[in-house]
């Protein structure tokens, strides 16, 4: 086997391994200079977005779910089959928070949204946004997942 061929295969394997090892995270930088880091499950298909955090009885304080949508629009969520109160953080395509719905009511079928277009929505435990000082306008960055993987 030629040495260049072996090196190409080794490099490809290292690249795949390193990208698979990164845990998906959402990092919010507050205007006060603090960072809130959440390890997230990624809802990047319509099926995953539909299921969301339904039926979950607990969620660690540093965990959440990030919903990825193909394009920005006014997103609407409900709490059907969701026993946990959640904060929903709506994020624009420019990675800035456009609004937050705090302390959603478990099992509610009332639609929850903000009056601004968002392409991403982060769900975390209810009350964490306020406690961590997360507000509209704060910057958000994503690590460990590809935004190009979003599917209708």
Protein backbone atom coordinates (compact mmCIF):
# COMPACT_ATOMS: atom_id res chain seq x y z
CA UNK A 1 0.00 0.00 0.00
CA UNK A 2 1.54 3.35 -1.00
CA UNK A 3 2.51 5.57 1.89
CA UNK A 4 0.40 8.54 0.64
CA UNK A 5 -2.70 6.31 0.45
CA UNK A 6 -2.16 5.15 4.05
CA UNK A 7 -1.68 8.73 5.24
CA UNK A 8 -4.92 9.82 3.50
CA UNK A 9 -6.90 7.03 5.16
CA UNK A 10 -5.37 7.78 8.57
CA UNK A 11 -6.20 11.49 8.25
CA UNK A 12 -9.79 10.70 7.23
CA UNK A 13 -10.26 8.37 10.21
CA UNK A 14 -8.83 10.94 12.61
CA UNK A 15 -11.17 13.61 11.24
CA UNK A 16 -14.24 11.41 11.65
CA UNK A 17 -13.21 10.37 15.16
CA UNK A 18 -12.57 13.91 16.34
CA UNK A 19 -15.86 15.26 14.99
CA UNK A 20 -17.84 12.36 16.48
CA UNK A 21 -16.22 12.81 19.90
CA UNK A 22 -17.39 16.38 20.38
CA UNK A 23 -20.51 16.57 22.51
CA UNK A 24 -23.12 18.92 21.07
CA UNK A 25 -23.21 22.14 23.08
CA UNK A 26 -24.95 25.48 23.04
CA UNK A 27 -23.04 28.33 24.66
CA UNK A 28 -24.81 31.56 25.54
CA UNK A 29 -22.69 34.66 26.22
CA UNK A 30 -24.59 37.13 28.36
CA UNK A 31 -24.04 40.86 28.09
CA UNK A 32 -22.65 40.76 31.62
CA UNK A 33 -19.77 38.59 30.37
CA UNK A 34 -20.92 35.23 31.73
CA UNK A 35 -21.24 32.04 29.70
CA UNK A 36 -23.96 29.43 30.13
CA UNK A 37 -23.03 26.08 28.59
CA UNK A 38 -25.61 23.40 27.86
CA UNK A 39 -24.96 19.90 26.53
CA UNK A 40 -27.79 19.33 24.10
CA UNK A 41 -29.66 16.75 22.16
CA UNK A 42 -30.08 17.91 18.57
CA UNK A 43 -33.56 17.91 17.00
CA UNK A 44 -32.63 18.36 13.33
CA UNK A 45 -35.43 16.39 11.63
CA UNK A 46 -39.17 16.92 11.65
CA UNK A 47 -39.65 13.70 13.65
CA UNK A 48 -37.14 14.71 16.33
CA UNK A 49 -38.62 18.22 16.49
CA UNK A 50 -42.13 16.78 16.90
CA UNK A 51 -41.10 14.50 19.79
CA UNK A 52 -38.85 17.05 21.52
CA UNK A 53 -38.68 16.58 25.29
CA UNK A 54 -42.05 14.88 25.61
CA UNK A 55 -42.38 12.29 28.38
CA UNK A 56 -39.14 13.40 30.12
CA UNK A 57 -39.46 13.44 33.88
CA UNK A 58 -36.11 15.08 34.57
CA UNK A 59 -33.50 17.20 32.85
CA UNK A 60 -30.14 18.08 34.37
CA UNK A 61 -29.45 21.79 34.85
CA UNK A 62 -26.67 21.73 32.24
CA UNK A 63 -28.71 19.85 29.61
CA UNK A 64 -31.23 20.82 26.99
CA UNK A 65 -32.48 20.26 23.47
CA UNK A 66 -31.72 22.45 20.47
CA UNK A 67 -34.29 22.53 17.69
CA UNK A 68 -32.83 23.32 14.27
CA UNK A 69 -35.12 24.58 11.52
CA UNK A 70 -34.30 24.86 7.79
CA UNK A 71 -35.12 28.59 7.67
CA UNK A 72 -36.07 31.40 10.04
CA UNK A 73 -39.76 31.91 10.81
CA UNK A 74 -42.00 32.51 13.80
CA UNK A 75 -41.76 29.15 15.59
CA UNK A 76 -44.56 27.88 17.81
CA UNK A 77 -44.31 25.16 20.46
CA UNK A 78 -46.66 23.45 22.87
CA UNK A 79 -46.12 21.30 25.96
CA UNK A 80 -48.21 18.26 25.02
CA UNK A 81 -47.01 15.22 26.98
CA UNK A 82 -44.21 17.27 28.57
CA UNK A 83 -44.24 17.04 32.39
CA UNK A 84 -41.34 19.48 32.93
CA UNK A 85 -41.67 23.27 32.98
CA UNK A 86 -39.24 24.59 30.38
CA UNK A 87 -37.70 27.84 29.22
CA UNK A 88 -37.79 28.19 25.43
CA UNK A 89 -35.01 30.36 24.06
CA UNK A 90 -35.69 31.52 20.49
CA UNK A 91 -32.54 32.24 18.49
CA UNK A 92 -32.31 34.06 15.16
CA UNK A 93 -30.20 32.96 12.19
CA UNK A 94 -27.62 35.55 13.32
CA UNK A 95 -27.18 33.54 16.57
CA UNK A 96 -28.72 36.22 18.79
CA UNK A 97 -31.58 35.50 21.19
CA UNK A 98 -34.76 37.10 19.83
CA UNK A 99 -37.00 36.15 22.75
CA UNK A 100 -37.62 33.79 25.66
CA UNK A 101 -40.74 32.04 26.90
CA UNK A 102 -40.11 31.29 30.57
CA UNK A 103 -41.60 28.61 32.79
CA UNK A 104 -43.93 26.94 30.29
CA UNK A 105 -46.87 25.10 31.82
CA UNK A 106 -46.47 21.30 31.68
CA UNK A 107 -48.95 19.44 29.42
CA UNK A 108 -50.41 22.68 28.04
CA UNK A 109 -51.72 22.67 24.48
CA UNK A 110 -51.52 26.47 24.27
CA UNK A 111 -49.09 27.56 21.56
CA UNK A 112 -45.96 29.30 22.88
CA UNK A 113 -43.88 31.62 20.69
CA UNK A 114 -42.25 35.03 20.46
CA UNK A 115 -43.16 37.69 17.87
CA UNK A 116 -39.87 37.41 15.98
CA UNK A 117 -38.43 35.01 13.43
CA UNK A 118 -36.09 32.37 14.81
CA UNK A 119 -34.23 29.48 13.22
CA UNK A 120 -33.18 27.72 16.43
CA UNK A 121 -34.93 27.10 19.73
CA UNK A 122 -33.16 25.92 22.88
CA UNK A 123 -35.24 24.24 25.57
CA UNK A 124 -33.81 24.14 29.09
CA UNK A 125 -35.22 23.71 32.58
CA UNK A 126 -37.83 26.28 33.51
CA UNK A 127 -36.42 29.22 35.45
CA UNK A 128 -32.80 28.79 34.34
CA UNK A 129 -32.89 31.72 31.91
CA UNK A 130 -33.75 34.17 34.65
CA UNK A 131 -31.38 32.61 37.18
CA UNK A 132 -28.46 32.72 34.70
CA UNK A 133 -29.25 36.22 33.43
CA UNK A 134 -30.00 35.10 29.87
CA UNK A 135 -31.89 37.75 27.90
CA UNK A 136 -32.91 38.75 24.40
CA UNK A 137 -29.92 40.08 22.50
CA UNK A 138 -27.41 37.68 24.07
CA UNK A 139 -25.05 35.91 21.65
CA UNK A 140 -25.20 32.15 21.10
CA UNK A 141 -22.73 29.72 19.58
CA UNK A 142 -22.99 26.06 18.72
CA UNK A 143 -20.33 23.37 19.08
CA UNK A 144 -20.24 19.70 18.12
CA UNK A 145 -22.99 19.59 15.51
CA UNK A 146 -23.48 20.68 11.91
CA UNK A 147 -26.18 23.14 11.01
CA UNK A 148 -26.15 21.77 7.47
CA UNK A 149 -27.74 18.53 8.71
CA UNK A 150 -31.19 20.13 9.18
CA UNK A 151 -33.95 18.26 7.40
CA UNK A 152 -37.60 19.20 6.86
